[in-house]
Protein backbone atom coordinates (compact mmCIF):
# COMPACT_ATOMS: atom_id res chain seq x y z
CA MET A 1 2.41 10.49 -6.96
CA ALA A 2 -0.93 8.85 -7.24
CA ALA A 3 -4.01 10.98 -7.53
CA GLY A 4 -5.45 12.16 -4.30
CA ARG A 5 -2.14 11.43 -2.39
CA ASP A 6 0.19 14.06 -0.99
CA ALA A 7 3.64 13.94 0.63
CA SER A 8 2.01 13.11 4.07
CA ASP A 9 0.72 9.83 2.69
CA ARG A 10 4.23 8.64 1.62
CA PRO A 11 6.18 6.34 3.97
CA GLN A 12 8.70 8.14 6.22
CA GLY A 13 11.61 6.40 4.57
CA GLY A 14 10.70 7.85 1.11
CA ASP A 15 12.20 6.15 -1.92
CA ARG A 16 14.72 4.19 0.12
CA ASP A 17 11.80 2.16 1.56
CA ARG A 18 10.11 1.35 -1.80
CA ALA A 19 9.71 -2.32 -2.43
CA ASP A 20 11.74 -2.20 -5.66
CA VAL A 21 14.59 -0.38 -4.01
CA ARG A 22 14.53 -2.75 -0.99
CA LEU A 23 14.46 -5.76 -3.36
CA ALA A 24 17.42 -4.48 -5.38
CA GLU A 25 19.36 -4.02 -2.03
CA GLY A 26 18.36 -7.45 -0.66
CA ARG A 27 16.28 -5.86 1.98
CA LEU A 28 12.90 -7.27 1.03
CA GLY A 29 12.08 -10.48 2.92
CA GLU A 30 10.36 -13.60 1.91
CA ALA A 31 7.26 -12.79 3.94
CA GLU A 32 6.96 -9.37 2.23
CA LEU A 33 7.33 -10.87 -1.20
CA GLN A 34 4.73 -13.44 -0.43
CA PHE A 35 2.45 -10.61 0.72
CA LEU A 36 3.05 -8.68 -2.50
CA ALA A 37 2.46 -11.77 -4.61
CA ARG A 38 -0.89 -12.51 -2.94
CA ARG A 39 -2.02 -8.89 -3.43
CA LEU A 40 -0.92 -9.01 -7.14
CA ALA A 41 -2.72 -12.33 -7.62
CA VAL A 42 -5.94 -10.91 -6.07
CA ALA A 43 -5.75 -7.87 -8.26
CA HIS A 44 -5.29 -9.89 -11.41
CA ALA A 45 -7.99 -12.38 -10.46
CA GLY A 46 -10.44 -9.48 -10.17
CA ALA A 47 -9.40 -7.74 -13.40
CA PRO A 48 -11.47 -8.19 -16.50
CA VAL A 49 -9.97 -10.50 -19.08
CA ASP A 50 -9.65 -9.47 -22.62
CA PRO A 51 -10.24 -12.71 -24.72
CA ASP A 52 -7.91 -11.58 -27.56
CA ALA A 53 -5.12 -10.65 -25.14
CA ALA A 54 -5.66 -13.97 -23.28
CA SER A 55 -5.26 -15.98 -26.48
CA HIS A 56 -1.67 -14.61 -26.79
CA ALA A 57 -0.75 -15.38 -23.16
CA GLY A 58 -1.31 -19.17 -22.98
CA PRO A 59 1.56 -21.56 -22.85
CA ASP A 60 1.17 -22.65 -26.46
CA ALA A 61 1.08 -19.14 -27.79
CA LEU A 62 4.07 -18.07 -25.64
CA ALA A 63 6.01 -21.15 -26.92
CA ALA A 64 5.09 -20.45 -30.48
CA ARG A 65 6.16 -16.76 -30.10
CA SER A 66 9.45 -17.79 -28.52
CA LYS A 67 10.20 -20.19 -31.40
CA ALA A 68 9.34 -17.51 -33.95
CA GLN A 69 11.61 -14.96 -32.17
CA VAL A 70 14.58 -17.43 -32.15
CA ALA A 71 14.03 -18.16 -35.87
CA GLU A 72 13.91 -14.41 -36.59
CA ALA A 73 17.10 -13.83 -34.59
CA GLU A 74 18.86 -16.66 -36.37
CA ALA A 75 17.90 -15.26 -39.83
CA VAL A 76 19.11 -11.87 -38.88
CA ALA A 77 22.40 -13.23 -37.42
CA ALA A 78 22.97 -15.29 -40.57
CA ASP A 79 22.39 -12.15 -42.74
CA LEU A 80 24.63 -10.11 -40.53
CA ALA A 81 27.39 -12.71 -40.67
CA ALA A 82 27.21 -12.89 -44.44
CA ALA A 83 27.45 -9.14 -44.68
CA VAL A 84 30.52 -9.09 -42.37
CA ARG A 85 32.15 -11.73 -44.48
CA GLU A 86 31.62 -9.63 -47.64
CA VAL A 87 33.14 -6.58 -45.97
CA ALA A 88 36.10 -8.68 -44.88
CA VAL A 89 36.60 -9.86 -48.43
CA LEU A 90 36.53 -6.33 -49.68
CA GLN A 91 39.01 -5.26 -47.01
CA GLU A 92 41.35 -8.09 -47.89
CA GLY A 93 41.16 -7.15 -51.58
CA PHE A 94 41.85 -3.55 -50.86
CA LEU A 95 44.80 -4.34 -48.62
CA ALA A 96 46.11 -6.84 -51.22
CA GLN A 97 46.10 -4.04 -53.88
CA ARG A 98 48.07 -1.81 -51.65
CA ALA A 99 50.75 -4.35 -50.59
C-alpha cells in the first residue's frame, strides 16, 4: 500500500476492482481506459526527461535495437541448430555401432 494510505483509503471492492483486474476480466470500459491514458500522459509530460534515456527511446533507436535483437537471436538459433545436428550425428553413430 502506498505510504500514508491505510485500508480505509482502498476502494470497497478491494483487488477485484483494481483496473488491471478489471481489464483482464473485460470489465474496464473505453471511457475508463481513455481517462487512465490521459492521466498517464499528463504524468509523463510533467516528468523530467533524462537526455541519455531519451536517446534510446526514439523511433530510430528502437528500430536499431529491434534489428540487433533479431540478428542476435538468429545467430544463437543457428548455433543451437548446429549443436543439435552434431548431437544427432553422434547419436546416429552410437546407434549404428550397437546395431
